[in-house]
PDB file of N, CA and C in Angstrom:
ATOM      1  N   UNK A   1     -16.074  10.156  -7.526  1.00  0.00           N
ATOM      2  CA  UNK A   1     -15.085  11.089  -7.027  1.00  0.00           C
ATOM      3  C   UNK A   1     -14.298  10.440  -5.893  1.00  0.00           C
ATOM      4  N   UNK A   2     -13.004  10.686  -5.856  1.00  0.00           N
ATOM      5  CA  UNK A   2     -12.185  10.133  -4.778  1.00  0.00           C
ATOM      6  C   UNK A   2     -12.510  10.754  -3.416  1.00  0.00           C
ATOM      7  N   UNK A   3     -12.275   9.976  -2.375  1.00  0.00           N
ATOM      8  CA  UNK A   3     -12.470  10.435  -1.001  1.00  0.00           C
ATOM      9  C   UNK A   3     -11.112  10.848  -0.444  1.00  0.00           C
ATOM     10  N   UNK A   4     -11.033  12.064   0.083  1.00  0.00           N
ATOM     11  CA  UNK A   4      -9.787  12.611   0.614  1.00  0.00           C
ATOM     12  C   UNK A   4      -9.945  12.984   2.080  1.00  0.00           C
ATOM     13  N   UNK A   5      -8.796  13.035   2.777  1.00  0.00           N
ATOM     14  CA  UNK A   5      -8.728  13.580   4.125  1.00  0.00           C
ATOM     15  C   UNK A   5      -7.631  14.633   4.134  1.00  0.00           C
ATOM     16  N   UNK A   6      -7.972  15.847   4.573  1.00  0.00           N
ATOM     17  CA  UNK A   6      -6.986  16.915   4.662  1.00  0.00           C
ATOM     18  C   UNK A   6      -6.740  17.232   6.134  1.00  0.00           C
ATOM     19  N   UNK A   7      -5.484  17.204   6.547  1.00  0.00           N
ATOM     20  CA  UNK A   7      -5.076  17.627   7.880  1.00  0.00           C
ATOM     21  C   UNK A   7      -4.409  18.978   7.718  1.00  0.00           C
ATOM     22  N   UNK A   8      -4.861  19.958   8.504  1.00  0.00           N
ATOM     23  CA  UNK A   8      -4.341  21.311   8.383  1.00  0.00           C
ATOM     24  C   UNK A   8      -3.889  21.815   9.750  1.00  0.00           C
ATOM     25  N   UNK A   9      -2.749  22.497   9.773  1.00  0.00           N
ATOM     26  CA  UNK A   9      -2.245  23.154  10.981  1.00  0.00           C
ATOM     27  C   UNK A   9      -2.245  24.652  10.694  1.00  0.00           C
ATOM     28  N   UNK A  10      -2.947  25.407  11.532  1.00  0.00           N
ATOM     29  CA  UNK A  10      -3.028  26.853  11.355  1.00  0.00           C
ATOM     30  C   UNK A  10      -2.344  27.563  12.509  1.00  0.00           C
ATOM     31  N   UNK A  11      -2.007  28.821  12.275  1.00  0.00           N
ATOM     32  CA  UNK A  11      -1.405  29.625  13.336  1.00  0.00           C
ATOM     33  C   UNK A  11      -2.408  29.783  14.466  1.00  0.00           C
ATOM     34  N   UNK A  12      -1.902  29.780  15.696  1.00  0.00           N
ATOM     35  CA  UNK A  12      -2.784  29.875  16.857  1.00  0.00           C
ATOM     36  C   UNK A  12      -3.035  31.335  17.220  1.00  0.00           C
ATOM     37  N   UNK A  13      -4.317  31.664  17.346  1.00  0.00           N
ATOM     38  CA  UNK A  13      -4.759  32.966  17.823  1.00  0.00           C
ATOM     39  C   UNK A  13      -5.778  32.675  18.914  1.00  0.00           C
ATOM     40  N   UNK A  14      -5.828  33.537  19.953  1.00  0.00           N
ATOM     41  CA  UNK A  14      -6.719  33.252  21.091  1.00  0.00           C
ATOM     42  C   UNK A  14      -8.183  33.149  20.682  1.00  0.00           C
ATOM     43  N   UNK A  15      -8.611  33.888  19.667  1.00  0.00           N
ATOM     44  CA  UNK A  15      -9.981  33.725  19.159  1.00  0.00           C
ATOM     45  C   UNK A  15      -9.928  32.767  17.975  1.00  0.00           C
ATOM     46  N   UNK A  16     -10.921  31.931  17.871  1.00  0.00           N
ATOM     47  CA  UNK A  16     -10.929  30.915  16.814  1.00  0.00           C
ATOM     48  C   UNK A  16     -11.642  31.374  15.557  1.00  0.00           C
ATOM     49  N   UNK A  17     -11.917  32.656  15.431  1.00  0.00           N
ATOM     50  CA  UNK A  17     -12.639  33.170  14.268  1.00  0.00           C
ATOM     51  C   UNK A  17     -11.874  32.897  12.966  1.00  0.00           C
ATOM     52  N   UNK A  18     -10.551  33.048  12.982  1.00  0.00           N
ATOM     53  CA  UNK A  18      -9.789  32.832  11.753  1.00  0.00           C
ATOM     54  C   UNK A  18      -9.825  31.366  11.320  1.00  0.00           C
ATOM     55  N   UNK A  19      -9.886  30.438  12.277  1.00  0.00           N
ATOM     56  CA  UNK A  19      -9.964  29.019  11.921  1.00  0.00           C
ATOM     57  C   UNK A  19     -11.339  28.708  11.337  1.00  0.00           C
ATOM     58  N   UNK A  20     -12.385  29.233  11.978  1.00  0.00           N
ATOM     59  CA  UNK A  20     -13.743  29.020  11.452  1.00  0.00           C
ATOM     60  C   UNK A  20     -13.855  29.523  10.025  1.00  0.00           C
ATOM     61  N   UNK A  21     -13.291  30.691   9.754  1.00  0.00           N
ATOM     62  CA  UNK A  21     -13.368  31.261   8.411  1.00  0.00           C
ATOM     63  C   UNK A  21     -12.598  30.409   7.408  1.00  0.00           C
ATOM     64  N   UNK A  22     -11.431  29.910   7.793  1.00  0.00           N
ATOM     65  CA  UNK A  22     -10.642  29.065   6.895  1.00  0.00           C
ATOM     66  C   UNK A  22     -11.343  27.734   6.625  1.00  0.00           C
ATOM     67  N   UNK A  23     -11.915  27.121   7.658  1.00  0.00           N
ATOM     68  CA  UNK A  23     -12.649  25.858   7.484  1.00  0.00           C
ATOM     69  C   UNK A  23     -13.873  26.091   6.597  1.00  0.00           C
ATOM     70  N   UNK A  24     -14.595  27.178   6.849  1.00  0.00           N
ATOM     71  CA  UNK A  24     -15.775  27.499   6.040  1.00  0.00           C
ATOM     72  C   UNK A  24     -15.369  27.733   4.585  1.00  0.00           C
ATOM     73  N   UNK A  25     -14.283  28.480   4.367  1.00  0.00           N
ATOM     74  CA  UNK A  25     -13.808  28.757   3.020  1.00  0.00           C
ATOM     75  C   UNK A  25     -13.423  27.462   2.303  1.00  0.00           C
ATOM     76  N   UNK A  26     -12.731  26.564   2.988  1.00  0.00           N
ATOM     77  CA  UNK A  26     -12.305  25.291   2.387  1.00  0.00           C
ATOM     78  C   UNK A  26     -13.511  24.415   2.051  1.00  0.00           C
ATOM     79  N   UNK A  27     -14.446  24.295   2.996  1.00  0.00           N
ATOM     80  CA  UNK A  27     -15.627  23.461   2.777  1.00  0.00           C
ATOM     81  C   UNK A  27     -16.502  24.034   1.654  1.00  0.00           C
ATOM     82  N   UNK A  28     -16.679  25.340   1.634  1.00  0.00           N
ATOM     83  CA  UNK A  28     -17.491  25.961   0.576  1.00  0.00           C
ATOM     84  C   UNK A  28     -16.831  25.803  -0.789  1.00  0.00           C
ATOM     85  N   UNK A  29     -15.507  25.856  -0.836  1.00  0.00           N
ATOM     86  CA  UNK A  29     -14.806  25.651  -2.102  1.00  0.00           C
ATOM     87  C   UNK A  29     -15.077  24.243  -2.648  1.00  0.00           C
ATOM     88  N   UNK A  30     -15.013  23.256  -1.772  1.00  0.00           N
ATOM     89  CA  UNK A  30     -15.276  21.871  -2.186  1.00  0.00           C
ATOM     90  C   UNK A  30     -16.723  21.738  -2.663  1.00  0.00           C
ATOM     91  N   UNK A  31     -17.661  22.268  -1.882  1.00  0.00           N
ATOM     92  CA  UNK A  31     -19.082  22.123  -2.236  1.00  0.00           C
ATOM     93  C   UNK A  31     -19.446  22.916  -3.490  1.00  0.00           C
ATOM     94  N   UNK A  32     -18.887  24.106  -3.666  1.00  0.00           N
ATOM     95  CA  UNK A  32     -19.183  24.903  -4.860  1.00  0.00           C
ATOM     96  C   UNK A  32     -18.607  24.281  -6.123  1.00  0.00           C
ATOM     97  N   UNK A  33     -17.614  23.418  -5.964  1.00  0.00           N
ATOM     98  CA  UNK A  33     -17.018  22.730  -7.117  1.00  0.00           C
ATOM     99  C   UNK A  33     -17.666  21.380  -7.379  1.00  0.00           C
ATOM    100  N   UNK A  34     -18.774  21.086  -6.706  1.00  0.00           N
ATOM    101  CA  UNK A  34     -19.488  19.835  -6.934  1.00  0.00           C
ATOM    102  C   UNK A  34     -19.071  18.704  -6.015  1.00  0.00           C
ATOM    103  N   UNK A  35     -18.244  18.968  -5.035  1.00  0.00           N
ATOM    104  CA  UNK A  35     -17.808  17.940  -4.104  1.00  0.00           C
ATOM    105  C   UNK A  35     -18.739  17.824  -2.911  1.00  0.00           C
ATOM    106  N   UNK A  36     -18.417  16.879  -2.031  1.00  0.00           N
ATOM    107  CA  UNK A  36     -19.221  16.623  -0.830  1.00  0.00           C
ATOM    108  C   UNK A  36     -18.290  16.648   0.375  1.00  0.00           C
ATOM    109  N   UNK A  37     -18.648  17.449   1.385  1.00  0.00           N
ATOM    110  CA  UNK A  37     -17.898  17.463   2.639  1.00  0.00           C
ATOM    111  C   UNK A  37     -18.537  16.436   3.557  1.00  0.00           C
ATOM    112  N   UNK A  38     -17.772  15.461   3.991  1.00  0.00           N
ATOM    113  CA  UNK A  38     -18.298  14.371   4.808  1.00  0.00           C
ATOM    114  C   UNK A  38     -18.123  14.604   6.304  1.00  0.00           C
ATOM    115  N   UNK A  39     -17.022  15.262   6.700  1.00  0.00           N
ATOM    116  CA  UNK A  39     -16.763  15.423   8.127  1.00  0.00           C
ATOM    117  C   UNK A  39     -15.741  16.530   8.337  1.00  0.00           C
ATOM    118  N   UNK A  40     -15.913  17.283   9.433  1.00  0.00           N
ATOM    119  CA  UNK A  40     -14.947  18.288   9.856  1.00  0.00           C
ATOM    120  C   UNK A  40     -14.660  18.030  11.325  1.00  0.00           C
ATOM    121  N   UNK A  41     -13.386  17.873  11.679  1.00  0.00           N
ATOM    122  CA  UNK A  41     -12.994  17.621  13.068  1.00  0.00           C
ATOM    123  C   UNK A  41     -11.958  18.645  13.500  1.00  0.00           C
ATOM    124  N   UNK A  42     -12.118  19.154  14.710  1.00  0.00           N
ATOM    125  CA  UNK A  42     -11.107  20.021  15.298  1.00  0.00           C
ATOM    126  C   UNK A  42     -10.315  19.204  16.305  1.00  0.00           C
ATOM    127  N   UNK A  43      -9.011  19.197  16.163  1.00  0.00           N
ATOM    128  CA  UNK A  43      -8.155  18.485  17.099  1.00  0.00           C
ATOM    129  C   UNK A  43      -7.681  19.403  18.216  1.00  0.00           C
ATOM    130  N   UNK A  44      -8.001  20.686  18.118  1.00  0.00           N
ATOM    131  CA  UNK A  44      -7.653  21.639  19.162  1.00  0.00           C
ATOM    132  C   UNK A  44      -6.266  22.229  18.979  1.00  0.00           C
ATOM    133  N   UNK A  45      -5.826  22.915  19.998  1.00  0.00           N
ATOM    134  CA  UNK A  45      -4.526  23.582  19.999  1.00  0.00           C
ATOM    135  C   UNK A  45      -3.477  22.639  20.569  1.00  0.00           C
ATOM    136  N   UNK A  46      -2.370  22.501  19.855  1.00  0.00           N
ATOM    137  CA  UNK A  46      -1.299  21.605  20.282  1.00  0.00           C
ATOM    138  C   UNK A  46       0.056  22.271  20.083  1.00  0.00           C
ATOM    139  N   UNK A  47       1.018  21.823  20.869  1.00  0.00           N
ATOM    140  CA  UNK A  47       2.385  22.268  20.672  1.00  0.00           C
ATOM    141  C   UNK A  47       2.921  21.592  19.414  1.00  0.00           C
ATOM    142  N   UNK A  48       3.554  22.352  18.561  1.00  0.00           N
ATOM    143  CA  UNK A  48       4.080  21.809  17.312  1.00  0.00           C
ATOM    144  C   UNK A  48       5.308  20.945  17.591  1.00  0.00           C
ATOM    145  N   UNK A  49       5.550  19.906  16.793  1.00  0.00           N
ATOM    146  CA  UNK A  49       6.713  19.049  17.017  1.00  0.00           C
ATOM    147  C   UNK A  49       8.033  19.796  16.840  1.00  0.00           C
ATOM    148  N   UNK A  50       8.001  20.855  16.045  1.00  0.00           N
ATOM    149  CA  UNK A  50       9.144  21.744  15.883  1.00  0.00           C
ATOM    150  C   UNK A  50       8.609  23.116  15.519  1.00  0.00           C
ATOM    151  N   UNK A  51       9.390  24.148  15.762  1.00  0.00           N
ATOM    152  CA  UNK A  51       8.925  25.483  15.419  1.00  0.00           C
ATOM    153  C   UNK A  51       8.768  25.582  13.905  1.00  0.00           C
ATOM    154  N   UNK A  52       7.697  26.240  13.470  1.00  0.00           N
ATOM    155  CA  UNK A  52       7.396  26.344  12.048  1.00  0.00           C
ATOM    156  C   UNK A  52       7.225  27.798  11.659  1.00  0.00           C
ATOM    157  N   UNK A  53       7.611  28.103  10.433  1.00  0.00           N
ATOM    158  CA  UNK A  53       7.462  29.452   9.921  1.00  0.00           C
ATOM    159  C   UNK A  53       6.869  29.376   8.522  1.00  0.00           C
ATOM    160  N   UNK A  54       5.858  30.189   8.304  1.00  0.00           N
ATOM    161  CA  UNK A  54       5.260  30.299   6.979  1.00  0.00           C
ATOM    162  C   UNK A  54       4.501  31.616   6.950  1.00  0.00           C
ATOM    163  N   UNK A  55       4.817  32.473   6.043  1.00  0.00           N
ATOM    164  CA  UNK A  55       4.157  33.775   5.909  1.00  0.00           C
ATOM    165  C   UNK A  55       4.254  34.625   7.168  1.00  0.00           C
ATOM    166  N   UNK A  56       5.257  34.467   7.994  1.00  0.00           N
ATOM    167  CA  UNK A  56       5.342  35.279   9.198  1.00  0.00           C
ATOM    168  C   UNK A  56       6.373  34.768  10.183  1.00  0.00           C
ATOM    169  N   UNK A  57       6.195  35.123  11.467  1.00  0.00           N
ATOM    170  CA  UNK A  57       7.192  34.731  12.486  1.00  0.00           C
ATOM    171  C   UNK A  57       7.125  33.237  12.817  1.00  0.00           C
ATOM    172  N   UNK A  58       8.141  32.752  13.537  1.00  0.00           N
ATOM    173  CA  UNK A  58       8.174  31.356  13.974  1.00  0.00           C
ATOM    174  C   UNK A  58       7.023  31.080  14.936  1.00  0.00           C
ATOM    175  N   UNK A  59       6.424  29.921  14.794  1.00  0.00           N
ATOM    176  CA  UNK A  59       5.299  29.502  15.633  1.00  0.00           C
ATOM    177  C   UNK A  59       5.696  28.249  16.389  1.00  0.00           C
ATOM    178  N   UNK A  60       5.288  28.151  17.657  1.00  0.00           N
ATOM    179  CA  UNK A  60       5.543  26.941  18.429  1.00  0.00           C
ATOM    180  C   UNK A  60       4.248  26.237  18.817  1.00  0.00           C
ATOM    181  N   UNK A  61       3.099  26.873  18.574  1.00  0.00           N
ATOM    182  CA  UNK A  61       1.789  26.308  18.887  1.00  0.00           C
ATOM    183  C   UNK A  61       0.917  26.469  17.650  1.00  0.00           C
ATOM    184  N   UNK A  62       0.086  25.458  17.377  1.00  0.00           N
ATOM    185  CA  UNK A  62      -0.800  25.518  16.223  1.00  0.00           C
ATOM    186  C   UNK A  62      -2.140  24.876  16.517  1.00  0.00           C
ATOM    187  N   UNK A  63      -3.117  25.212  15.702  1.00  0.00           N
ATOM    188  CA  UNK A  63      -4.461  24.628  15.790  1.00  0.00           C
ATOM    189  C   UNK A  63      -4.614  23.606  14.670  1.00  0.00           C
ATOM    190  N   UNK A  64      -4.995  22.390  15.044  1.00  0.00           N
ATOM    191  CA  UNK A  64      -5.114  21.277  14.102  1.00  0.00           C
ATOM    192  C   UNK A  64      -6.584  21.020  13.778  1.00  0.00           C
ATOM    193  N   UNK A  65      -6.886  20.713  12.503  1.00  0.00           N
ATOM    194  CA  UNK A  65      -8.232  20.304  12.120  1.00  0.00           C
ATOM    195  C   UNK A  65      -8.157  19.438  10.866  1.00  0.00           C
ATOM    196  N   UNK A  66      -9.190  18.606  10.694  1.00  0.00           N
ATOM    197  CA  UNK A  66      -9.256  17.725   9.530  1.00  0.00           C
ATOM    198  C   UNK A  66     -10.546  17.970   8.773  1.00  0.00           C
ATOM    199  N   UNK A  67     -10.493  17.685   7.489  1.00  0.00           N
ATOM    200  CA  UNK A  67     -11.642  17.814   6.599  1.00  0.00           C
ATOM    201  C   UNK A  67     -11.691  16.567   5.728  1.00  0.00           C
ATOM    202  N   UNK A  68     -12.783  15.796   5.807  1.00  0.00           N
ATOM    203  CA  UNK A  68     -12.992  14.628   4.944  1.00  0.00           C
ATOM    204  C   UNK A  68     -13.949  15.056   3.840  1.00  0.00           C
ATOM    205  N   UNK A  69     -13.576  14.802   2.585  1.00  0.00           N
ATOM    206  CA  UNK A  69     -14.411  15.269   1.482  1.00  0.00           C
ATOM    207  C   UNK A  69     -14.213  14.415   0.240  1.00  0.00           C
ATOM    208  N   UNK A  70     -15.224  14.436  -0.625  1.00  0.00           N
ATOM    209  CA  UNK A  70     -15.158  13.851  -1.959  1.00  0.00           C
ATOM    210  C   UNK A  70     -15.023  15.012  -2.932  1.00  0.00           C
ATOM    211  N   UNK A  71     -14.060  14.926  -3.837  1.00  0.00           N
ATOM    212  CA  UNK A  71     -13.875  16.000  -4.809  1.00  0.00           C
ATOM    213  C   UNK A  71     -13.112  15.476  -6.013  1.00  0.00           C
ATOM    214  N   UNK A  72     -13.201  16.216  -7.097  1.00  0.00           N
ATOM    215  CA  UNK A  72     -12.457  15.867  -8.299  1.00  0.00           C
ATOM    216  C   UNK A  72     -10.992  16.277  -8.118  1.00  0.00           C
ATOM    217  N   UNK A  73     -10.090  15.691  -8.872  1.00  0.00           N
ATOM    218  CA  UNK A  73      -8.683  16.085  -8.785  1.00  0.00           C
ATOM    219  C   UNK A  73      -8.458  17.571  -9.092  1.00  0.00           C
ATOM    220  N   UNK A  74      -9.246  18.123  -9.985  1.00  0.00           N
ATOM    221  CA  UNK A  74      -9.123  19.552 -10.304  1.00  0.00           C
ATOM    222  C   UNK A  74      -9.465  20.405  -9.078  1.00  0.00           C
ATOM    223  N   UNK A  75     -10.512  20.029  -8.349  1.00  0.00           N
ATOM    224  CA  UNK A  75     -10.888  20.751  -7.134  1.00  0.00           C
ATOM    225  C   UNK A  75      -9.789  20.624  -6.087  1.00  0.00           C
ATOM    226  N   UNK A  76      -9.182  19.462  -5.990  1.00  0.00           N
ATOM    227  CA  UNK A  76      -8.098  19.257  -5.038  1.00  0.00           C
ATOM    228  C   UNK A  76      -6.909  20.168  -5.355  1.00  0.00           C
ATOM    229  N   UNK A  77      -6.564  20.296  -6.627  1.00  0.00           N
ATOM    230  CA  UNK A  77      -5.467  21.186  -7.010  1.00  0.00           C
ATOM    231  C   UNK A  77      -5.762  22.631  -6.639  1.00  0.00           C
ATOM    232  N   UNK A  78      -6.989  23.078  -6.878  1.00  0.00           N
ATOM    233  CA  UNK A  78      -7.320  24.464  -6.535  1.00  0.00           C
ATOM    234  C   UNK A  78      -7.371  24.659  -5.021  1.00  0.00           C
ATOM    235  N   UNK A  79      -7.817  23.639  -4.266  1.00  0.00           N
ATOM    236  CA  UNK A  79      -7.814  23.729  -2.808  1.00  0.00           C
ATOM    237  C   UNK A  79      -6.381  23.809  -2.277  1.00  0.00           C
ATOM    238  N   UNK A  80      -5.466  23.051  -2.867  1.00  0.00           N
ATOM    239  CA  UNK A  80      -4.058  23.137  -2.484  1.00  0.00           C
ATOM    240  C   UNK A  80      -3.504  24.534  -2.755  1.00  0.00           C
ATOM    241  N   UNK A  81      -3.933  25.157  -3.851  1.00  0.00           N
ATOM    242  CA  UNK A  81      -3.514  26.526  -4.142  1.00  0.00           C
ATOM    243  C   UNK A  81      -4.007  27.512  -3.099  1.00  0.00           C
ATOM    244  N   UNK A  82      -5.239  27.326  -2.625  1.00  0.00           N
ATOM    245  CA  UNK A  82      -5.784  28.182  -1.573  1.00  0.00           C
ATOM    246  C   UNK A  82      -4.974  28.023  -0.293  1.00  0.00           C
ATOM    247  N   UNK A  83      -4.674  26.783   0.080  1.00  0.00           N
ATOM    248  CA  UNK A  83      -3.899  26.532   1.301  1.00  0.00           C
ATOM    249  C   UNK A  83      -2.493  27.130   1.183  1.00  0.00           C
ATOM    250  N   UNK A  84      -1.899  27.023   0.011  1.00  0.00           N
ATOM    251  CA  UNK A  84      -0.541  27.520  -0.200  1.00  0.00           C
ATOM    252  C   UNK A  84      -0.475  29.044  -0.041  1.00  0.00           C
ATOM    253  N   UNK A  85      -1.499  29.744  -0.505  1.00  0.00           N
ATOM    254  CA  UNK A  85      -1.485  31.208  -0.462  1.00  0.00           C
ATOM    255  C   UNK A  85      -1.986  31.800   0.849  1.00  0.00           C
ATOM    256  N   UNK A  86      -2.706  31.024   1.652  1.00  0.00           N
ATOM    257  CA  UNK A  86      -3.335  31.571   2.859  1.00  0.00           C
ATOM    258  C   UNK A  86      -2.291  31.766   3.965  1.00  0.00           C
ATOM    259  N   UNK A  87      -2.179  32.976   4.525  1.00  0.00           N
ATOM    260  CA  UNK A  87      -1.173  33.221   5.566  1.00  0.00           C
ATOM    261  C   UNK A  87      -1.488  32.560   6.905  1.00  0.00           C
ATOM    262  N   UNK A  88      -2.719  32.093   7.101  1.00  0.00           N
ATOM    263  CA  UNK A  88      -3.085  31.438   8.365  1.00  0.00           C
ATOM    264  C   UNK A  88      -2.596  30.003   8.430  1.00  0.00           C
ATOM    265  N   UNK A  89      -2.295  29.403   7.281  1.00  0.00           N
ATOM    266  CA  UNK A  89      -1.937  27.983   7.202  1.00  0.00           C
ATOM    267  C   UNK A  89      -0.434  27.803   7.398  1.00  0.00           C
ATOM    268  N   UNK A  90      -0.062  26.970   8.378  1.00  0.00           N
ATOM    269  CA  UNK A  90       1.344  26.618   8.586  1.00  0.00           C
ATOM    270  C   UNK A  90       1.731  25.407   7.745  1.00  0.00           C
ATOM    271  N   UNK A  91       0.944  24.343   7.844  1.00  0.00           N
ATOM    272  CA  UNK A  91       1.179  23.113   7.082  1.00  0.00           C
ATOM    273  C   UNK A  91      -0.165  22.457   6.776  1.00  0.00           C
ATOM    274  N   UNK A  92      -0.192  21.688   5.701  1.00  0.00           N
ATOM    275  CA  UNK A  92      -1.365  20.886   5.387  1.00  0.00           C
ATOM    276  C   UNK A  92      -0.913  19.696   4.555  1.00  0.00           C
ATOM    277  N   UNK A  93      -1.694  18.655   4.617  1.00  0.00           N
ATOM    278  CA  UNK A  93      -1.445  17.499   3.769  1.00  0.00           C
ATOM    279  C   UNK A  93      -2.790  16.876   3.425  1.00  0.00           C
ATOM    280  N   UNK A  94      -2.864  16.275   2.243  1.00  0.00           N
ATOM    281  CA  UNK A  94      -4.096  15.638   1.791  1.00  0.00           C
ATOM    282  C   UNK A  94      -3.786  14.178   1.478  1.00  0.00           C
ATOM    283  N   UNK A  95      -4.576  13.280   2.053  1.00  0.00           N
ATOM    284  CA  UNK A  95      -4.442  11.849   1.805  1.00  0.00           C
ATOM    285  C   UNK A  95      -5.642  11.362   1.006  1.00  0.00           C
ATOM    286  N   UNK A  96      -5.382  10.539   0.015  1.00  0.00           N
ATOM    287  CA  UNK A  96      -6.464   9.918  -0.741  1.00  0.00           C
ATOM    288  C   UNK A  96      -6.831   8.625  -0.027  1.00  0.00           C
ATOM    289  N   UNK A  97      -8.054   8.562   0.509  1.00  0.00           N
ATOM    290  CA  UNK A  97      -8.470   7.390   1.274  1.00  0.00           C
ATOM    291  C   UNK A  97      -9.000   6.284   0.367  1.00  0.00           C
ATOM    292  N   UNK A  98      -9.712   6.655  -0.695  1.00  0.00           N
ATOM    293  CA  UNK A  98     -10.265   5.651  -1.609  1.00  0.00           C
ATOM    294  C   UNK A  98     -10.704   6.340  -2.894  1.00  0.00           C
ATOM    295  N   UNK A  99     -10.854   5.526  -3.958  1.00  0.00           N
ATOM    296  CA  UNK A  99     -11.385   6.080  -5.207  1.00  0.00           C
ATOM    297  C   UNK A  99     -12.868   6.397  -5.084  1.00  0.00           C
ATOM    298  N   UNK A 100     -13.569   5.585  -4.307  1.00  0.00           N
ATOM    299  CA  UNK A 100     -14.990   5.810  -4.033  1.00  0.00           C
ATOM    300  C   UNK A 100     -15.243   5.408  -2.586  1.00  0.00           C
ATOM    301  N   UNK A 101     -16.299   5.946  -2.005  1.00  0.00           N
ATOM    302  CA  UNK A 101     -16.643   5.598  -0.625  1.00  0.00           C
ATOM    303  C   UNK A 101     -16.986   4.119  -0.530  1.00  0.00           C
ATOM    304  N   UNK A 102     -17.591   3.575  -1.554  1.00  0.00           N
ATOM    305  CA  UNK A 102     -17.955   2.155  -1.552  1.00  0.00           C
ATOM    306  C   UNK A 102     -16.718   1.271  -1.438  1.00  0.00           C
ATOM    307  N   UNK A 103     -15.598   1.681  -2.075  1.00  0.00           N
ATOM    308  CA  UNK A 103     -14.360   0.911  -1.987  1.00  0.00           C
ATOM    309  C   UNK A 103     -13.848   0.872  -0.556  1.00  0.00           C
ATOM    310  N   UNK A 104     -13.968   1.975   0.136  1.00  0.00           N
ATOM    311  CA  UNK A 104     -13.505   2.041   1.521  1.00  0.00           C
ATOM    312  C   UNK A 104     -14.334   1.127   2.413  1.00  0.00           C
ATOM    313  N   UNK A 105     -15.648   1.096   2.209  1.00  0.00           N
ATOM    314  CA  UNK A 105     -16.490   0.233   3.029  1.00  0.00           C
ATOM    315  C   UNK A 105     -16.237  -1.240   2.707  1.00  0.00           C
ATOM    316  N   UNK A 106     -15.967  -1.569   1.454  1.00  0.00           N
ATOM    317  CA  UNK A 106     -15.660  -2.955   1.101  1.00  0.00           C
ATOM    318  C   UNK A 106     -14.360  -3.395   1.750  1.00  0.00           C
ATOM    319  N   UNK A 107     -13.361  -2.525   1.745  1.00  0.00           N
ATOM    320  CA  UNK A 107     -12.089  -2.868   2.372  1.00  0.00           C
ATOM    321  C   UNK A 107     -12.279  -3.071   3.873  1.00  0.00           C
ATOM    322  N   UNK A 108     -13.114  -2.255   4.488  1.00  0.00           N
ATOM    323  CA  UNK A 108     -13.386  -2.401   5.911  1.00  0.00           C
ATOM    324  C   UNK A 108     -14.027  -3.736   6.224  1.00  0.00           C
ATOM    325  N   UNK A 109     -14.938  -4.200   5.368  1.00  0.00           N
ATOM    326  CA  UNK A 109     -15.573  -5.496   5.574  1.00  0.00           C
ATOM    327  C   UNK A 109     -14.556  -6.615   5.423  1.00  0.00           C
ATOM    328  N   UNK A 110     -13.649  -6.493   4.471  1.00  0.00           N
ATOM    329  CA  UNK A 110     -12.629  -7.517   4.293  1.00  0.00           C
ATOM    330  C   UNK A 110     -11.718  -7.600   5.515  1.00  0.00           C
ATOM    331  N   UNK A 111     -11.382  -6.469   6.076  1.00  0.00           N
ATOM    332  CA  UNK A 111     -10.498  -6.446   7.239  1.00  0.00           C
ATOM    333  C   UNK A 111     -11.181  -7.100   8.429  1.00  0.00           C
ATOM    334  N   UNK A 112     -12.460  -6.802   8.653  1.00  0.00           N
ATOM    335  CA  UNK A 112     -13.138  -7.359   9.818  1.00  0.00           C
ATOM    336  C   UNK A 112     -13.360  -8.852   9.669  1.00  0.00           C
ATOM    337  N   UNK A 113     -13.594  -9.344   8.471  1.00  0.00           N
ATOM    338  CA  UNK A 113     -13.811 -10.778   8.311  1.00  0.00           C
ATOM    339  C   UNK A 113     -12.487 -11.540   8.263  1.00  0.00           C
ATOM    340  N   UNK A 114     -11.421 -10.892   7.774  1.00  0.00           N
ATOM    341  CA  UNK A 114     -10.137 -11.591   7.652  1.00  0.00           C
ATOM    342  C   UNK A 114      -9.407 -11.683   8.989  1.00  0.00           C
ATOM    343  N   UNK A 115      -9.589 -10.712   9.842  1.00  0.00           N
ATOM    344  CA  UNK A 115      -8.873 -10.710  11.113  1.00  0.00           C
ATOM    345  C   UNK A 115      -9.825 -11.085  12.246  1.00  0.00           C
ATOM    346  N   UNK A 116     -10.073 -12.384  12.375  1.00  0.00           N
ATOM    347  CA  UNK A 116     -10.958 -12.875  13.425  1.00  0.00           C
ATOM    348  C   UNK A 116     -10.180 -12.990  14.721  1.00  0.00           C
ATOM    349  N   UNK A 117     -10.788 -12.507  15.802  1.00  0.00           N
ATOM    350  CA  UNK A 117     -10.148 -12.585  17.110  1.00  0.00           C
ATOM    351  C   UNK A 117     -10.224 -14.015  17.627  1.00  0.00           C
ATOM    352  N   UNK A 118      -9.071 -14.603  18.015  1.00  0.00           N
ATOM    353  CA  UNK A 118      -9.094 -15.985  18.518  1.00  0.00           C
ATOM    354  C   UNK A 118      -9.767 -16.046  19.891  1.00  0.00           C
ATOM    355  N   UNK A 119     -10.384 -17.180  20.161  1.00  0.00           N
ATOM    356  CA  UNK A 119     -11.020 -17.379  21.458  1.00  0.00           C
ATOM    357  C   UNK A 119      -9.958 -17.747  22.490  1.00  0.00           C
ATOM    358  N   UNK A 120     -10.333 -17.692  23.764  1.00  0.00           N
ATOM    359  CA  UNK A 120      -9.411 -18.003  24.855  1.00  0.00           C
ATOM    360  C   UNK A 120      -8.932 -19.452  24.742  1.00  0.00           C
ATOM    361  N   UNK A 121      -9.845 -20.365  24.430  1.00  0.00           N
ATOM    362  CA  UNK A 121      -9.463 -21.775  24.322  1.00  0.00           C
ATOM    363  C   UNK A 121      -8.471 -22.020  23.186  1.00  0.00           C
ATOM    364  N   UNK A 122      -8.571 -21.264  22.096  1.00  0.00           N
ATOM    365  CA  UNK A 122      -7.615 -21.408  21.005  1.00  0.00           C
ATOM    366  C   UNK A 122      -6.233 -20.896  21.401  1.00  0.00           C
ATOM    367  N   UNK A 123      -6.182 -19.851  22.192  1.00  0.00           N
ATOM    368  CA  UNK A 123      -4.902 -19.303  22.630  1.00  0.00           C
ATOM    369  C   UNK A 123      -4.217 -20.244  23.606  1.00  0.00           C
ATOM    370  N   UNK A 124      -4.966 -20.825  24.529  1.00  0.00           N
ATOM    371  CA  UNK A 124      -4.397 -21.701  25.550  1.00  0.00           C
ATOM    372  C   UNK A 124      -3.937 -23.004  24.949  1.00  0.00           C
ATOM    373  N   UNK A 125      -4.688 -23.569  24.031  1.00  0.00           N
ATOM    374  CA  UNK A 125      -4.331 -24.871  23.423  1.00  0.00           C
ATOM    375  C   UNK A 125      -3.193 -24.728  22.519  1.00  0.00           C
TER     376      UNK A 125
END
């Protein structure tokens, strides 16, 4: 299963209950469809780069969070449908990080071995 990262911006409310429910709903959808949730991060409340409107009034502040997960393309399509219909969601995007987690770790090893930091003596000479 491919590894994805979803960044979501939700409408800001002083209580975070609506964000917890949306994150729980998204993670449970992935897990109930046979996927694996690898990580959930909250980036907190931030001022939006521009005012945004979706399912309601203009918003200037939003709550950001990310979800890293493995899922089938069919599960990803249904998750996008959930995000599209949910009135709490202002914007979201999903990035495909790798076809498999093993591919991502192999690429990381290639990057660390290919980009060797030069020593001080090599820079001076």
